[in-house]
C-alpha atoms as a PDB file:
ATOM      1  CA  UNK A   1     -25.514  -6.476   5.192  1.00  0.00           C
ATOM      2  CA  UNK A   2     -21.410  -6.865   4.896  1.00  0.00           C
ATOM      3  CA  UNK A   3     -20.088  -7.603   8.239  1.00  0.00           C
ATOM      4  CA  UNK A   4     -17.567  -4.985   8.910  1.00  0.00           C
ATOM      5  CA  UNK A   5     -13.659  -6.188   9.107  1.00  0.00           C
ATOM      6  CA  UNK A   6     -12.514  -2.514  10.157  1.00  0.00           C
ATOM      7  CA  UNK A   7     -12.708  -3.243  13.515  1.00  0.00           C
ATOM      8  CA  UNK A   8     -10.076  -6.325  12.938  1.00  0.00           C
ATOM      9  CA  UNK A   9      -7.402  -3.866  10.779  1.00  0.00           C
ATOM     10  CA  UNK A  10      -7.647  -1.357  13.630  1.00  0.00           C
ATOM     11  CA  UNK A  11      -6.954  -4.076  16.567  1.00  0.00           C
ATOM     12  CA  UNK A  12      -4.231  -2.792  19.105  1.00  0.00           C
ATOM     13  CA  UNK A  13      -3.125  -7.062  19.585  1.00  0.00           C
ATOM     14  CA  UNK A  14      -2.201  -7.472  15.522  1.00  0.00           C
ATOM     15  CA  UNK A  15      -2.094  -3.593  14.103  1.00  0.00           C
ATOM     16  CA  UNK A  16       0.734  -1.255  13.969  1.00  0.00           C
ATOM     17  CA  UNK A  17       1.643   2.134  13.375  1.00  0.00           C
ATOM     18  CA  UNK A  18       2.781   2.717   9.606  1.00  0.00           C
ATOM     19  CA  UNK A  19       2.649   6.167   6.688  1.00  0.00           C
ATOM     20  CA  UNK A  20       1.228   6.378   3.273  1.00  0.00           C
ATOM     21  CA  UNK A  21       3.577   8.182   0.987  1.00  0.00           C
ATOM     22  CA  UNK A  22       1.015   9.313  -1.563  1.00  0.00           C
ATOM     23  CA  UNK A  23       1.666  11.679  -4.597  1.00  0.00           C
ATOM     24  CA  UNK A  24      -0.103  13.292  -6.795  1.00  0.00           C
ATOM     25  CA  UNK A  25       1.184  15.287 -10.185  1.00  0.00           C
ATOM     26  CA  UNK A  26       1.438  14.684 -14.417  1.00  0.00           C
ATOM     27  CA  UNK A  27       4.075  12.919 -16.659  1.00  0.00           C
ATOM     28  CA  UNK A  28       5.602  15.313 -18.500  1.00  0.00           C
ATOM     29  CA  UNK A  29       9.088  15.855 -20.568  1.00  0.00           C
ATOM     30  CA  UNK A  30      11.749  13.918 -18.380  1.00  0.00           C
ATOM     31  CA  UNK A  31       9.698  12.074 -16.488  1.00  0.00           C
ATOM     32  CA  UNK A  32       7.431  12.288 -13.523  1.00  0.00           C
ATOM     33  CA  UNK A  33       6.945  16.050 -12.200  1.00  0.00           C
ATOM     34  CA  UNK A  34       5.107  15.927  -8.457  1.00  0.00           C
ATOM     35  CA  UNK A  35       2.709  18.420  -7.805  1.00  0.00           C
ATOM     36  CA  UNK A  36       1.593  17.326  -4.233  1.00  0.00           C
ATOM     37  CA  UNK A  37       3.084  15.125  -1.209  1.00  0.00           C
ATOM     38  CA  UNK A  38       0.856  13.888   1.453  1.00  0.00           C
ATOM     39  CA  UNK A  39       2.156  11.779   4.372  1.00  0.00           C
ATOM     40  CA  UNK A  40      -0.604   9.887   6.104  1.00  0.00           C
ATOM     41  CA  UNK A  41      -0.479   8.364   9.229  1.00  0.00           C
ATOM     42  CA  UNK A  42      -2.633   5.067   9.265  1.00  0.00           C
ATOM     43  CA  UNK A  43      -2.820   1.887  11.070  1.00  0.00           C
ATOM     44  CA  UNK A  44      -3.815  -1.699  10.192  1.00  0.00           C
ATOM     45  CA  UNK A  45      -2.542  -5.345  10.105  1.00  0.00           C
ATOM     46  CA  UNK A  46       1.206  -6.024   8.389  1.00  0.00           C
ATOM     47  CA  UNK A  47       2.222  -9.531   7.304  1.00  0.00           C
ATOM     48  CA  UNK A  48       4.416 -11.527   4.891  1.00  0.00           C
ATOM     49  CA  UNK A  49       2.619 -11.968   1.750  1.00  0.00           C
ATOM     50  CA  UNK A  50       1.936 -15.396   0.588  1.00  0.00           C
ATOM     51  CA  UNK A  51       2.398 -17.411  -2.122  1.00  0.00           C
ATOM     52  CA  UNK A  52      -0.871 -16.944  -3.605  1.00  0.00           C
ATOM     53  CA  UNK A  53      -0.509 -12.936  -3.057  1.00  0.00           C
ATOM     54  CA  UNK A  54       3.097 -13.242  -4.376  1.00  0.00           C
ATOM     55  CA  UNK A  55       1.590 -14.479  -7.911  1.00  0.00           C
ATOM     56  CA  UNK A  56       0.351 -11.189  -8.304  1.00  0.00           C
ATOM     57  CA  UNK A  57       3.775  -9.273  -8.187  1.00  0.00           C
ATOM     58  CA  UNK A  58       5.601  -9.428 -11.137  1.00  0.00           C
ATOM     59  CA  UNK A  59       8.765 -11.666 -10.810  1.00  0.00           C
ATOM     60  CA  UNK A  60      11.336  -9.246 -11.028  1.00  0.00           C
ATOM     61  CA  UNK A  61      10.194  -7.927  -7.252  1.00  0.00           C
ATOM     62  CA  UNK A  62       9.578 -11.034  -5.584  1.00  0.00           C
ATOM     63  CA  UNK A  63      12.980 -11.093  -4.532  1.00  0.00           C
ATOM     64  CA  UNK A  64      13.080  -7.490  -2.741  1.00  0.00           C
ATOM     65  CA  UNK A  65      10.705  -8.698  -0.226  1.00  0.00           C
ATOM     66  CA  UNK A  66       6.751  -8.650  -0.219  1.00  0.00           C
ATOM     67  CA  UNK A  67       4.541  -7.774   2.494  1.00  0.00           C
ATOM     68  CA  UNK A  68       0.464  -7.173   2.757  1.00  0.00           C
ATOM     69  CA  UNK A  69      -1.291  -4.219   4.466  1.00  0.00           C
ATOM     70  CA  UNK A  70      -5.128  -4.630   5.896  1.00  0.00           C
ATOM     71  CA  UNK A  71      -5.780  -0.879   6.932  1.00  0.00           C
ATOM     72  CA  UNK A  72      -9.087   1.047   6.915  1.00  0.00           C
ATOM     73  CA  UNK A  73      -6.917   3.895   4.935  1.00  0.00           C
ATOM     74  CA  UNK A  74      -7.358   3.831   1.124  1.00  0.00           C
ATOM     75  CA  UNK A  75      -4.666   2.722  -0.130  1.00  0.00           C
ATOM     76  CA  UNK A  76      -3.842   3.066  -4.181  1.00  0.00           C
ATOM     77  CA  UNK A  77      -1.563   1.983  -7.532  1.00  0.00           C
ATOM     78  CA  UNK A  78      -0.452   3.698  -9.651  1.00  0.00           C
ATOM     79  CA  UNK A  79      -3.639   5.577 -11.717  1.00  0.00           C
ATOM     80  CA  UNK A  80      -2.389   7.534 -14.755  1.00  0.00           C
ATOM     81  CA  UNK A  81      -6.567   8.528 -15.044  1.00  0.00           C
ATOM     82  CA  UNK A  82      -6.331  10.390 -11.722  1.00  0.00           C
ATOM     83  CA  UNK A  83      -2.324  11.040 -11.963  1.00  0.00           C
ATOM     84  CA  UNK A  84      -1.469   9.227  -9.241  1.00  0.00           C
ATOM     85  CA  UNK A  85       1.844   6.951  -8.865  1.00  0.00           C
ATOM     86  CA  UNK A  86       1.804   4.107  -6.499  1.00  0.00           C
ATOM     87  CA  UNK A  87       1.491   4.708  -2.523  1.00  0.00           C
ATOM     88  CA  UNK A  88       4.295   4.112  -1.128  1.00  0.00           C
ATOM     89  CA  UNK A  89       4.633   2.695   2.650  1.00  0.00           C
ATOM     90  CA  UNK A  90       7.109   3.554   4.986  1.00  0.00           C
ATOM     91  CA  UNK A  91       7.111   0.753   8.063  1.00  0.00           C
ATOM     92  CA  UNK A  92       9.926  -0.761   9.922  1.00  0.00           C
ATOM     93  CA  UNK A  93      12.890   2.052   8.532  1.00  0.00           C
ATOM     94  CA  UNK A  94      11.929   0.943   4.782  1.00  0.00           C
ATOM     95  CA  UNK A  95      10.032   1.702   2.404  1.00  0.00           C
ATOM     96  CA  UNK A  96       7.825  -0.263   0.184  1.00  0.00           C
ATOM     97  CA  UNK A  97       5.941   0.661  -3.412  1.00  0.00           C
ATOM     98  CA  UNK A  98       2.069  -0.698  -3.713  1.00  0.00           C
ATOM     99  CA  UNK A  99       1.995  -2.979  -6.312  1.00  0.00           C
ATOM    100  CA  UNK A 100      -1.348  -4.463  -6.206  1.00  0.00           C
ATOM    101  CA  UNK A 101      -4.448  -3.192  -4.242  1.00  0.00           C
ATOM    102  CA  UNK A 102      -7.878  -5.244  -3.508  1.00  0.00           C
ATOM    103  CA  UNK A 103     -10.571  -2.667  -2.257  1.00  0.00           C
ATOM    104  CA  UNK A 104     -13.003  -3.947  -0.191  1.00  0.00           C
ATOM    105  CA  UNK A 105     -14.700  -0.972   1.151  1.00  0.00           C
ATOM    106  CA  UNK A 106     -18.267  -2.604   1.708  1.00  0.00           C
ATOM    107  CA  UNK A 107     -16.363  -4.478   4.597  1.00  0.00           C
ATOM    108  CA  UNK A 108     -14.444  -1.708   5.049  1.00  0.00           C
ATOM    109  CA  UNK A 109     -10.835  -2.346   4.620  1.00  0.00           C
ATOM    110  CA  UNK A 110      -8.394  -2.074   1.868  1.00  0.00           C
ATOM    111  CA  UNK A 111      -5.746  -5.174   0.998  1.00  0.00           C
ATOM    112  CA  UNK A 112      -2.064  -4.070  -0.792  1.00  0.00           C
ATOM    113  CA  UNK A 113       0.491  -6.240  -1.394  1.00  0.00           C
ATOM    114  CA  UNK A 114       3.872  -3.691  -1.051  1.00  0.00           C
ATOM    115  CA  UNK A 115       7.370  -4.833  -1.979  1.00  0.00           C
ATOM    116  CA  UNK A 116      10.389  -2.904  -0.666  1.00  0.00           C
ATOM    117  CA  UNK A 117      12.388  -0.202  -2.582  1.00  0.00           C
ATOM    118  CA  UNK A 118      14.719   0.753  -0.244  1.00  0.00           C
ATOM    119  CA  UNK A 119      15.679  -0.083   3.081  1.00  0.00           C
ATOM    120  CA  UNK A 120      17.019  -3.315   5.203  1.00  0.00           C
END
C-alpha cells in the first residue's frame, strides 16, 4: 500500500491557503465561452519551481515566474475532452495558470507547475 503524503501537504508549518479558480465551458465562435466558474479554497505547500520543473514549462512562460503547488485537492490543466480550461491559482496577490500537473492520488496529493499570469 502506498504511503499517503496528504498529511505533508496539510502541515500547518509548511502549507498555505490559496484559491483554485476552475472554469468550465466550451470553445465557440469568438473563443472560450464560460458556463461555470468555481472558486475552491485550498491548502497546500507552495514553493519555487526548480530547474527540472521549469523544463516542463514552455520557454516563453519561464520569465513570468513559476511555482510548484502540492495539495490534496485535484488540480487540472486544460482538458478539451472535459470542456475545462486550465485551473488558475490565486495566491499572495497574484494569479497563476496551471501548465503541468503530476497526479499522485494513490499517494494522497497532486503536484502542479503554475506560471504567473498577473500580479507582482
